[in-house]
Structure formats: C-alpha cells, structure tokens
C-alpha cells in the first residue's frame, strides 16, 4: 500500500491507496484477434452485406466470421474502421451492425456520405458475458445502397478481451 499525507498543521490526514489496480487478480492470458478486408470493393446492399474478411490474424479461414475465444473475463472490446465510397450522385445513409454469434450488439452505427466521396466510419463497442473458453464468431453487416462500396483497403476490425474491475 502506498500512502500520502494531506492537510496542514494538526489537521493532517494520512491516506492509503492500493499499489496495484483492483482488477489485477484477473490478469492473465487475454484473447485477441483482428481482420482486414474485404478482398475487393463490395456493394453495401439495402438488404445488408456481410463483410468477408480477406485476412484474419489468428490464421482462421478468410470469410465472414472472426473467431474470438475469451480466456479470462468474457468481455471484449471491438474497434473497427469501415471504409466506404459513395459512387452515386446523391448522399447515401449507411449503417453498420456488429453481431456476436448472430446476436446484434447495441444500436447500429450510422453515417451519411455525400455524393461521390469517401468516408470512414469508426466503431467502438463492447460485448460482455461471453462464455470463457468457448469460441464466439464476430460478424459485421453493412447496410446501404448499391451506390455505396465497402472499400477493400480501408476496412479493419480489432477484437481484444479486456480486464474488468471487480469492485
């Protein structure tokens, strides 16, 4: 335990604080994975287009599912950037939904892209209570119009299991 003293004169108070974070007991091997892709530009269909990832860090077969197997806490942080290109003559609304084992997380992330322009949609979301030791599949679905392309060189997702505070 560390400590410090505050106050002046006789009203000085000694305060103690822990030397390590409260979640240190849960430190251990945390799971992670990432993916980049798709292999070529793909239309963001009105019915939804599932991104087929070209490269998956863990060595999993390229495709729509990014596997993650929580090892310590069952809470994963997902950060992504989805590159988009509106080739149409009017502004287009696009939404991105992240799913874990086919269950959607939170509200879809949305962006309005002006005509004939590029945009990057940053995403940061958390999934908790995933079963430890069981592989879950993360999927990304982009919904837009045939005038919007998912850019092959501008889309990436990173998934990290994170420590959680215990009190």
N, C-alpha and C. Protein backbone atom coordinates (compact mmCIF):
# COMPACT_ATOMS: atom_id res chain seq x y z
N UNK A 1 0.82 -1.18 0.00
CA UNK A 1 0.00 0.00 0.00
C UNK A 1 0.87 1.24 0.00
N UNK A 2 0.50 2.17 -0.85
CA UNK A 2 1.16 3.47 -0.84
C UNK A 2 0.37 4.41 0.03
N UNK A 3 0.95 5.52 0.39
CA UNK A 3 0.21 6.49 1.19
C UNK A 3 0.71 7.89 0.94
N UNK A 4 -0.13 8.85 1.27
CA UNK A 4 0.27 10.25 1.18
C UNK A 4 -0.42 11.01 2.30
N UNK A 5 0.09 12.17 2.61
CA UNK A 5 -0.44 12.98 3.70
C UNK A 5 -1.00 14.26 3.11
N UNK A 6 -2.20 14.64 3.55
CA UNK A 6 -2.81 15.88 3.08
C UNK A 6 -3.16 16.75 4.27
N UNK A 7 -3.35 18.02 4.04
CA UNK A 7 -3.73 18.94 5.10
C UNK A 7 -2.55 19.71 5.63
N UNK A 8 -2.83 20.66 6.57
CA UNK A 8 -1.79 21.49 7.16
C UNK A 8 -1.87 21.40 8.68
N UNK A 9 -0.75 21.60 9.29
CA UNK A 9 -0.70 21.65 10.76
C UNK A 9 -1.23 20.40 11.41
N UNK A 10 -2.09 20.57 12.42
CA UNK A 10 -2.61 19.43 13.19
C UNK A 10 -3.72 18.67 12.45
N UNK A 11 -4.24 19.24 11.38
CA UNK A 11 -5.33 18.57 10.66
C UNK A 11 -4.83 17.68 9.52
N UNK A 12 -3.60 17.26 9.62
CA UNK A 12 -3.04 16.40 8.57
C UNK A 12 -3.68 15.02 8.63
N UNK A 13 -3.92 14.47 7.46
CA UNK A 13 -4.54 13.16 7.35
C UNK A 13 -3.68 12.27 6.48
N UNK A 14 -3.54 11.02 6.91
CA UNK A 14 -2.78 10.04 6.13
C UNK A 14 -3.77 9.21 5.32
N UNK A 15 -3.57 9.16 4.02
CA UNK A 15 -4.43 8.40 3.12
C UNK A 15 -3.65 7.23 2.55
N UNK A 16 -4.30 6.09 2.42
CA UNK A 16 -3.66 4.92 1.82
C UNK A 16 -4.36 4.58 0.51
N UNK A 17 -3.61 4.07 -0.44
CA UNK A 17 -4.17 3.65 -1.72
C UNK A 17 -3.47 2.38 -2.16
N UNK A 18 -4.16 1.53 -2.92
CA UNK A 18 -3.54 0.27 -3.35
C UNK A 18 -2.44 0.53 -4.38
N UNK A 19 -1.40 -0.28 -4.35
CA UNK A 19 -0.30 -0.15 -5.30
C UNK A 19 -0.62 -0.79 -6.65
N UNK A 20 -1.64 -1.63 -6.69
CA UNK A 20 -1.99 -2.29 -7.95
C UNK A 20 -3.48 -2.10 -8.21
N UNK A 21 -3.90 -2.16 -9.47
CA UNK A 21 -5.31 -1.97 -9.78
C UNK A 21 -6.17 -3.07 -9.18
N UNK A 22 -7.43 -2.75 -8.95
CA UNK A 22 -8.34 -3.72 -8.34
C UNK A 22 -8.57 -4.95 -9.21
N UNK A 23 -8.40 -4.81 -10.51
CA UNK A 23 -8.64 -5.95 -11.39
C UNK A 23 -7.37 -6.77 -11.63
N UNK A 24 -6.31 -6.51 -10.89
CA UNK A 24 -5.05 -7.23 -11.11
C UNK A 24 -5.20 -8.73 -10.91
N UNK A 25 -6.13 -9.13 -10.04
CA UNK A 25 -6.32 -10.56 -9.79
C UNK A 25 -6.81 -11.28 -11.03
N UNK A 26 -7.45 -10.56 -11.96
CA UNK A 26 -7.96 -11.22 -13.16
C UNK A 26 -6.96 -11.17 -14.32
N UNK A 27 -5.76 -10.66 -14.05
CA UNK A 27 -4.76 -10.58 -15.12
C UNK A 27 -4.40 -11.98 -15.58
N UNK A 28 -4.22 -12.12 -16.83
CA UNK A 28 -3.89 -13.43 -17.38
C UNK A 28 -3.85 -13.37 -18.87
N UNK A 29 -3.97 -14.51 -19.50
CA UNK A 29 -3.92 -14.53 -20.96
C UNK A 29 -5.24 -14.01 -21.55
N UNK A 30 -5.18 -12.86 -22.18
CA UNK A 30 -6.37 -12.29 -22.78
C UNK A 30 -6.41 -12.63 -24.27
N UNK A 31 -7.60 -12.92 -24.77
CA UNK A 31 -7.77 -13.27 -26.17
C UNK A 31 -7.75 -12.03 -27.05
N UNK A 32 -7.33 -12.19 -28.29
CA UNK A 32 -7.37 -11.10 -29.26
C UNK A 32 -7.41 -11.68 -30.66
N UNK A 33 -7.91 -10.88 -31.59
CA UNK A 33 -7.93 -11.24 -32.99
C UNK A 33 -8.20 -9.97 -33.79
N UNK A 34 -7.88 -9.99 -35.05
CA UNK A 34 -8.17 -8.85 -35.92
C UNK A 34 -8.36 -9.36 -37.34
N UNK A 35 -8.94 -8.49 -38.16
CA UNK A 35 -9.19 -8.86 -39.55
C UNK A 35 -9.15 -7.62 -40.43
N UNK A 36 -8.79 -7.83 -41.69
CA UNK A 36 -8.77 -6.76 -42.68
C UNK A 36 -9.41 -7.28 -43.96
N UNK A 37 -10.01 -6.39 -44.69
CA UNK A 37 -10.64 -6.81 -45.93
C UNK A 37 -11.75 -5.86 -46.29
N UNK A 38 -12.64 -6.21 -47.15
CA UNK A 38 -12.72 -7.45 -47.93
C UNK A 38 -11.65 -7.52 -49.01
N UNK A 39 -11.66 -8.58 -49.80
CA UNK A 39 -10.65 -8.76 -50.82
C UNK A 39 -10.76 -7.78 -51.97
N UNK A 40 -11.96 -7.30 -52.23
CA UNK A 40 -12.19 -6.29 -53.29
C UNK A 40 -13.37 -5.44 -52.85
N UNK A 41 -13.54 -4.28 -53.51
CA UNK A 41 -14.67 -3.42 -53.17
C UNK A 41 -15.98 -4.17 -53.37
N UNK A 42 -16.92 -4.00 -52.44
CA UNK A 42 -18.19 -4.72 -52.46
C UNK A 42 -19.32 -3.72 -52.24
N UNK A 43 -20.46 -3.92 -52.93
CA UNK A 43 -21.63 -3.06 -52.72
C UNK A 43 -22.18 -3.26 -51.31
N UNK A 44 -22.64 -2.16 -50.69
CA UNK A 44 -23.34 -2.22 -49.41
C UNK A 44 -24.83 -2.28 -49.74
N UNK A 45 -25.35 -3.47 -49.95
CA UNK A 45 -26.72 -3.67 -50.40
C UNK A 45 -27.76 -3.17 -49.39
N UNK A 46 -28.95 -2.77 -49.89
CA UNK A 46 -30.02 -2.34 -48.98
C UNK A 46 -30.44 -3.44 -48.01
N UNK A 47 -30.30 -4.69 -48.39
CA UNK A 47 -30.66 -5.80 -47.52
C UNK A 47 -29.54 -6.18 -46.55
N UNK A 48 -28.39 -5.54 -46.68
CA UNK A 48 -27.25 -5.83 -45.80
C UNK A 48 -26.21 -6.70 -46.48
N UNK A 49 -24.97 -6.30 -46.36
CA UNK A 49 -23.84 -7.05 -46.91
C UNK A 49 -22.93 -7.45 -45.75
N UNK A 50 -22.69 -8.74 -45.61
CA UNK A 50 -21.78 -9.22 -44.58
C UNK A 50 -20.37 -9.13 -45.13
N UNK A 51 -19.49 -8.43 -44.40
CA UNK A 51 -18.11 -8.29 -44.88
C UNK A 51 -17.42 -9.63 -44.80
N UNK A 52 -16.82 -10.03 -45.92
CA UNK A 52 -16.00 -11.24 -45.98
C UNK A 52 -14.55 -10.79 -45.83
N UNK A 53 -13.96 -11.10 -44.69
CA UNK A 53 -12.61 -10.62 -44.36
C UNK A 53 -11.56 -11.41 -45.12
N UNK A 54 -10.61 -10.72 -45.72
CA UNK A 54 -9.56 -11.34 -46.52
C UNK A 54 -8.45 -11.91 -45.63
N UNK A 55 -8.09 -11.17 -44.59
CA UNK A 55 -7.01 -11.59 -43.69
C UNK A 55 -7.53 -11.63 -42.26
N UNK A 56 -7.32 -12.74 -41.56
CA UNK A 56 -7.69 -12.86 -40.16
C UNK A 56 -6.42 -13.23 -39.39
N UNK A 57 -6.09 -12.42 -38.39
CA UNK A 57 -4.82 -12.54 -37.67
C UNK A 57 -4.57 -13.93 -37.09
N UNK A 58 -5.60 -14.56 -36.54
CA UNK A 58 -5.41 -15.85 -35.87
C UNK A 58 -5.11 -16.98 -36.83
N UNK A 59 -5.20 -16.72 -38.13
CA UNK A 59 -4.97 -17.77 -39.11
C UNK A 59 -6.25 -18.50 -39.48
N UNK A 60 -7.38 -18.04 -38.98
CA UNK A 60 -8.66 -18.65 -39.33
C UNK A 60 -8.89 -18.49 -40.83
N UNK A 61 -9.72 -19.34 -41.38
CA UNK A 61 -10.05 -19.28 -42.80
C UNK A 61 -10.70 -17.94 -43.12
N UNK A 62 -10.22 -17.24 -44.15
CA UNK A 62 -10.85 -15.98 -44.53
C UNK A 62 -12.34 -16.19 -44.79
N UNK A 63 -13.14 -15.23 -44.34
CA UNK A 63 -14.59 -15.33 -44.51
C UNK A 63 -15.30 -14.31 -43.66
N UNK A 64 -16.57 -14.55 -43.41
CA UNK A 64 -17.41 -13.58 -42.71
C UNK A 64 -17.28 -13.62 -41.20
N UNK A 65 -16.79 -14.71 -40.63
CA UNK A 65 -16.70 -14.84 -39.18
C UNK A 65 -15.28 -14.62 -38.68
N UNK A 66 -15.15 -13.78 -37.63
CA UNK A 66 -13.86 -13.58 -36.97
C UNK A 66 -13.98 -14.27 -35.60
N UNK A 67 -13.24 -15.34 -35.38
CA UNK A 67 -13.38 -16.06 -34.11
C UNK A 67 -12.66 -15.37 -32.96
N UNK A 68 -13.26 -15.44 -31.77
CA UNK A 68 -12.63 -14.96 -30.54
C UNK A 68 -13.01 -15.94 -29.44
N UNK A 69 -12.01 -16.39 -28.68
CA UNK A 69 -12.24 -17.32 -27.58
C UNK A 69 -11.78 -16.67 -26.29
N UNK A 70 -12.70 -16.06 -25.53
CA UNK A 70 -12.32 -15.40 -24.28
C UNK A 70 -11.60 -16.37 -23.33
N UNK A 71 -10.54 -15.87 -22.69
CA UNK A 71 -9.73 -16.70 -21.80
C UNK A 71 -9.83 -16.30 -20.33
N UNK A 72 -10.20 -15.04 -20.05
CA UNK A 72 -10.12 -14.57 -18.67
C UNK A 72 -11.40 -13.91 -18.16
N UNK A 73 -11.96 -12.98 -18.91
CA UNK A 73 -13.08 -12.19 -18.39
C UNK A 73 -14.38 -12.34 -19.16
N UNK A 74 -14.32 -12.71 -20.41
CA UNK A 74 -15.54 -12.81 -21.22
C UNK A 74 -16.04 -11.46 -21.72
N UNK A 75 -15.25 -10.40 -21.54
CA UNK A 75 -15.61 -9.07 -22.03
C UNK A 75 -14.63 -8.68 -23.13
N UNK A 76 -15.15 -8.36 -24.30
CA UNK A 76 -14.28 -8.00 -25.41
C UNK A 76 -14.61 -6.60 -25.92
N UNK A 77 -13.56 -5.88 -26.28
CA UNK A 77 -13.67 -4.54 -26.86
C UNK A 77 -13.39 -4.67 -28.35
N UNK A 78 -14.30 -4.13 -29.16
CA UNK A 78 -14.14 -4.19 -30.60
C UNK A 78 -14.00 -2.78 -31.15
N UNK A 79 -12.92 -2.56 -31.88
CA UNK A 79 -12.74 -1.27 -32.55
C UNK A 79 -12.57 -1.57 -34.03
N UNK A 80 -13.21 -0.76 -34.83
CA UNK A 80 -13.17 -1.00 -36.28
C UNK A 80 -13.23 0.32 -37.03
N UNK A 81 -12.76 0.27 -38.25
CA UNK A 81 -12.93 1.35 -39.20
C UNK A 81 -13.43 0.69 -40.48
N UNK A 82 -14.57 1.16 -40.94
CA UNK A 82 -15.14 0.64 -42.17
C UNK A 82 -15.00 1.72 -43.23
N UNK A 83 -14.23 1.42 -44.28
CA UNK A 83 -14.03 2.37 -45.38
C UNK A 83 -15.18 2.27 -46.37
N UNK A 84 -15.74 3.42 -46.72
CA UNK A 84 -16.90 3.46 -47.61
C UNK A 84 -16.69 4.47 -48.73
N UNK A 85 -17.25 4.17 -49.89
CA UNK A 85 -17.15 5.08 -51.05
C UNK A 85 -18.52 5.20 -51.69
N UNK A 86 -19.05 6.41 -51.70
CA UNK A 86 -20.33 6.67 -52.35
C UNK A 86 -20.02 7.06 -53.80
N UNK A 87 -20.42 6.21 -54.74
CA UNK A 87 -20.18 6.48 -56.15
C UNK A 87 -21.39 7.13 -56.81
N UNK A 88 -22.46 7.32 -56.04
CA UNK A 88 -23.70 7.87 -56.59
C UNK A 88 -23.70 9.39 -56.66
N UNK A 89 -24.81 9.91 -57.18
CA UNK A 89 -24.96 11.35 -57.38
C UNK A 89 -25.71 12.03 -56.24
N UNK A 90 -26.09 11.28 -55.22
CA UNK A 90 -26.77 11.87 -54.07
C UNK A 90 -26.19 11.28 -52.78
N UNK A 91 -26.42 11.97 -51.67
CA UNK A 91 -25.94 11.49 -50.37
C UNK A 91 -26.61 10.15 -50.04
N UNK A 92 -25.87 9.28 -49.37
CA UNK A 92 -26.37 7.95 -49.02
C UNK A 92 -26.17 7.70 -47.53
N UNK A 93 -27.18 7.12 -46.88
CA UNK A 93 -27.06 6.73 -45.48
C UNK A 93 -26.61 5.27 -45.42
N UNK A 94 -25.67 5.02 -44.52
CA UNK A 94 -25.13 3.67 -44.37
C UNK A 94 -25.15 3.33 -42.88
N UNK A 95 -25.48 2.09 -42.55
CA UNK A 95 -25.41 1.64 -41.16
C UNK A 95 -24.56 0.38 -41.08
N UNK A 96 -23.88 0.24 -39.96
CA UNK A 96 -23.04 -0.93 -39.73
C UNK A 96 -23.47 -1.57 -38.42
N UNK A 97 -23.73 -2.86 -38.46
CA UNK A 97 -24.15 -3.62 -37.28
C UNK A 97 -23.12 -4.71 -36.99
N UNK A 98 -22.67 -4.79 -35.74
CA UNK A 98 -21.76 -5.86 -35.33
C UNK A 98 -22.57 -6.91 -34.59
N UNK A 99 -22.33 -8.16 -34.93
CA UNK A 99 -23.03 -9.28 -34.30
C UNK A 99 -22.02 -10.21 -33.65
N UNK A 100 -22.38 -10.79 -32.53
CA UNK A 100 -21.57 -11.83 -31.89
C UNK A 100 -22.46 -13.07 -31.82
N UNK A 101 -22.02 -14.12 -32.50
CA UNK A 101 -22.82 -15.35 -32.63
C UNK A 101 -24.25 -15.03 -33.08
N UNK A 102 -24.37 -14.19 -34.10
CA UNK A 102 -25.63 -13.81 -34.76
C UNK A 102 -26.51 -12.91 -33.90
N UNK A 103 -26.07 -12.51 -32.71
CA UNK A 103 -26.84 -11.59 -31.88
C UNK A 103 -26.29 -10.17 -32.06
N UNK A 104 -27.14 -9.23 -32.49
CA UNK A 104 -26.66 -7.86 -32.72
C UNK A 104 -26.26 -7.17 -31.41
N UNK A 105 -25.20 -6.35 -31.49
CA UNK A 105 -24.76 -5.56 -30.35
C UNK A 105 -25.30 -4.15 -30.49
N UNK A 106 -25.90 -3.64 -29.47
CA UNK A 106 -26.33 -2.24 -29.38
C UNK A 106 -27.07 -1.76 -30.62
N UNK A 107 -27.02 -0.48 -30.83
CA UNK A 107 -27.67 0.18 -31.95
C UNK A 107 -26.67 0.22 -33.11
N UNK A 108 -27.14 0.05 -34.35
CA UNK A 108 -26.19 0.14 -35.48
C UNK A 108 -25.52 1.51 -35.54
N UNK A 109 -24.29 1.52 -36.01
CA UNK A 109 -23.54 2.75 -36.23
C UNK A 109 -23.93 3.27 -37.60
N UNK A 110 -24.18 4.58 -37.72
CA UNK A 110 -24.64 5.13 -38.99
C UNK A 110 -23.80 6.32 -39.44
N UNK A 111 -23.84 6.57 -40.74
CA UNK A 111 -23.14 7.71 -41.33
C UNK A 111 -23.87 8.09 -42.60
N UNK A 112 -23.85 9.38 -42.92
CA UNK A 112 -24.39 9.87 -44.20
C UNK A 112 -23.20 10.31 -45.04
N UNK A 113 -23.08 9.74 -46.23
CA UNK A 113 -21.92 10.01 -47.09
C UNK A 113 -22.37 10.91 -48.24
N UNK A 114 -21.74 12.08 -48.39
CA UNK A 114 -22.08 12.96 -49.52
C UNK A 114 -21.81 12.26 -50.85
N UNK A 115 -22.42 12.78 -51.91
CA UNK A 115 -22.25 12.18 -53.24
C UNK A 115 -20.79 12.18 -53.66
N UNK A 116 -20.41 11.14 -54.37
CA UNK A 116 -19.07 10.99 -54.95
C UNK A 116 -17.96 11.28 -53.95
N UNK A 117 -18.03 10.66 -52.78
CA UNK A 117 -16.97 10.89 -51.78
C UNK A 117 -16.68 9.63 -50.97
N UNK A 118 -15.55 9.65 -50.31
CA UNK A 118 -15.12 8.57 -49.43
C UNK A 118 -15.44 8.95 -47.99
N UNK A 119 -15.63 7.95 -47.15
CA UNK A 119 -15.84 8.18 -45.72
C UNK A 119 -15.31 6.97 -44.95
N UNK A 120 -14.91 7.20 -43.72
CA UNK A 120 -14.53 6.11 -42.83
C UNK A 120 -15.43 6.18 -41.61
N UNK A 121 -16.06 5.07 -41.28
CA UNK A 121 -16.94 5.01 -40.12
C UNK A 121 -16.19 4.33 -38.99
N UNK A 122 -15.81 5.09 -37.93
CA UNK A 122 -15.14 4.47 -36.79
C UNK A 122 -16.16 3.83 -35.86
N UNK A 123 -15.80 2.69 -35.31
CA UNK A 123 -16.71 1.94 -34.43
C UNK A 123 -15.94 1.53 -33.18
N UNK A 124 -16.58 1.68 -32.04
CA UNK A 124 -16.02 1.22 -30.77
C UNK A 124 -17.18 0.67 -29.96
N UNK A 125 -17.14 -0.61 -29.63
CA UNK A 125 -18.24 -1.23 -28.88
C UNK A 125 -17.70 -2.34 -27.99
N UNK A 126 -18.50 -2.71 -27.02
CA UNK A 126 -18.11 -3.69 -26.01
C UNK A 126 -19.13 -4.82 -25.99
N UNK A 127 -18.66 -6.04 -25.87
CA UNK A 127 -19.53 -7.19 -25.67
C UNK A 127 -19.11 -7.86 -24.38
N UNK A 128 -20.07 -8.13 -23.51
CA UNK A 128 -19.71 -8.74 -22.23
C UNK A 128 -20.47 -10.05 -22.03
N UNK A 129 -20.07 -10.77 -21.02
CA UNK A 129 -20.68 -12.04 -20.63
C UNK A 129 -20.54 -13.12 -21.70
N UNK A 130 -19.45 -13.06 -22.49
CA UNK A 130 -19.19 -14.16 -23.43
C UNK A 130 -18.65 -15.34 -22.63
N UNK A 131 -19.03 -16.55 -22.98
CA UNK A 131 -18.54 -17.72 -22.23
C UNK A 131 -17.03 -17.90 -22.37
N UNK A 132 -16.36 -18.03 -21.25
CA UNK A 132 -14.91 -18.22 -21.26
C UNK A 132 -14.59 -19.62 -21.79
N UNK A 133 -13.63 -19.67 -22.71
CA UNK A 133 -13.21 -20.94 -23.29
C UNK A 133 -14.05 -21.40 -24.47
N UNK A 134 -15.07 -20.66 -24.82
CA UNK A 134 -15.94 -21.01 -25.94
C UNK A 134 -15.74 -19.99 -27.06
N UNK A 135 -15.53 -20.48 -28.27
CA UNK A 135 -15.31 -19.59 -29.41
C UNK A 135 -16.61 -18.93 -29.84
N UNK A 136 -16.56 -17.61 -29.96
CA UNK A 136 -17.69 -16.83 -30.48
C UNK A 136 -17.25 -16.25 -31.83
N UNK A 137 -18.20 -16.07 -32.72
CA UNK A 137 -17.90 -15.51 -34.04
C UNK A 137 -18.44 -14.09 -34.14
N UNK A 138 -17.57 -13.16 -34.53
CA UNK A 138 -17.94 -11.77 -34.73
C UNK A 138 -18.16 -11.54 -36.22
N UNK A 139 -19.29 -10.90 -36.54
CA UNK A 139 -19.67 -10.64 -37.93
C UNK A 139 -20.02 -9.16 -38.06
N UNK A 140 -19.70 -8.57 -39.20
CA UNK A 140 -20.01 -7.17 -39.46
C UNK A 140 -20.89 -7.08 -40.70
N UNK A 141 -22.06 -6.43 -40.55
CA UNK A 141 -23.00 -6.27 -41.66
C UNK A 141 -23.15 -4.79 -41.97
N UNK A 142 -22.98 -4.44 -43.25
CA UNK A 142 -23.10 -3.06 -43.72
C UNK A 142 -24.36 -2.96 -44.58
N UNK A 143 -25.23 -2.01 -44.23
CA UNK A 143 -26.47 -1.80 -44.98
C UNK A 143 -26.44 -0.40 -45.59
N UNK A 144 -26.70 -0.32 -46.87
CA UNK A 144 -26.67 0.98 -47.55
C UNK A 144 -27.44 0.93 -48.84
N UNK A 145 -26.75 1.21 -49.94
CA UNK A 145 -27.36 1.15 -51.26
C UNK A 145 -26.30 0.64 -52.24
N UNK A 146 -26.73 0.28 -53.43
CA UNK A 146 -25.79 -0.20 -54.43
C UNK A 146 -24.84 0.89 -54.90
N UNK A 147 -25.09 2.16 -54.52
CA UNK A 147 -24.19 3.25 -54.86
C UNK A 147 -23.04 3.38 -53.86
N UNK A 148 -23.07 2.58 -52.79
CA UNK A 148 -22.02 2.65 -51.77
C UNK A 148 -21.20 1.37 -51.81
N UNK A 149 -19.88 1.54 -51.88
CA UNK A 149 -18.97 0.40 -51.85
C UNK A 149 -18.27 0.32 -50.50
N UNK A 150 -18.07 -0.90 -50.03
CA UNK A 150 -17.20 -1.14 -48.87
C UNK A 150 -15.81 -1.25 -49.47
N UNK A 151 -14.91 -0.36 -49.05
CA UNK A 151 -13.59 -0.27 -49.66
C UNK A 151 -12.67 -1.35 -49.10
N UNK A 152 -12.05 -2.09 -50.01
CA UNK A 152 -11.23 -3.24 -49.60
C UNK A 152 -10.00 -2.83 -48.80
N UNK A 153 -9.42 -1.70 -49.12
CA UNK A 153 -8.18 -1.32 -48.43
C UNK A 153 -8.43 -0.45 -47.21
N UNK A 154 -9.69 -0.17 -46.87
CA UNK A 154 -9.96 0.74 -45.77
C UNK A 154 -10.79 0.16 -44.66
N UNK A 155 -10.93 -1.16 -44.59
CA UNK A 155 -11.77 -1.76 -43.56
C UNK A 155 -10.93 -2.69 -42.68
N UNK A 156 -11.12 -2.54 -41.35
CA UNK A 156 -10.31 -3.27 -40.39
C UNK A 156 -11.09 -3.40 -39.09
N UNK A 157 -10.93 -4.52 -38.39
CA UNK A 157 -11.54 -4.68 -37.07
C UNK A 157 -10.52 -5.34 -36.15
N UNK A 158 -10.51 -4.88 -34.92
CA UNK A 158 -9.62 -5.42 -33.90
C UNK A 158 -10.47 -5.79 -32.69
N UNK A 159 -10.27 -6.99 -32.17
CA UNK A 159 -11.07 -7.50 -31.06
C UNK A 159 -10.12 -7.91 -29.93
N UNK A 160 -10.32 -7.32 -28.75
CA UNK A 160 -9.45 -7.60 -27.60
C UNK A 160 -10.29 -7.94 -26.39
N UNK A 161 -9.94 -9.01 -25.71
CA UNK A 161 -10.55 -9.28 -24.41
C UNK A 161 -9.91 -8.32 -23.42
N UNK A 162 -10.73 -7.73 -22.55
CA UNK A 162 -10.23 -6.72 -21.62
C UNK A 162 -10.49 -7.14 -20.18
N UNK A 163 -9.66 -6.59 -19.28
CA UNK A 163 -9.86 -6.80 -17.86
C UNK A 163 -11.05 -5.98 -17.40
N UNK A 164 -11.75 -6.47 -16.41
CA UNK A 164 -12.89 -5.73 -15.87
C UNK A 164 -12.65 -5.49 -14.39
N UNK A 165 -13.12 -4.36 -13.90
CA UNK A 165 -12.97 -4.03 -12.48
C UNK A 165 -13.82 -4.98 -11.64
N UNK A 166 -13.32 -5.35 -10.50
CA UNK A 166 -14.05 -6.28 -9.63
C UNK A 166 -14.60 -5.60 -8.39
N UNK A 167 -14.45 -4.33 -8.27
CA UNK A 167 -15.04 -3.67 -7.10
C UNK A 167 -14.37 -2.40 -6.72
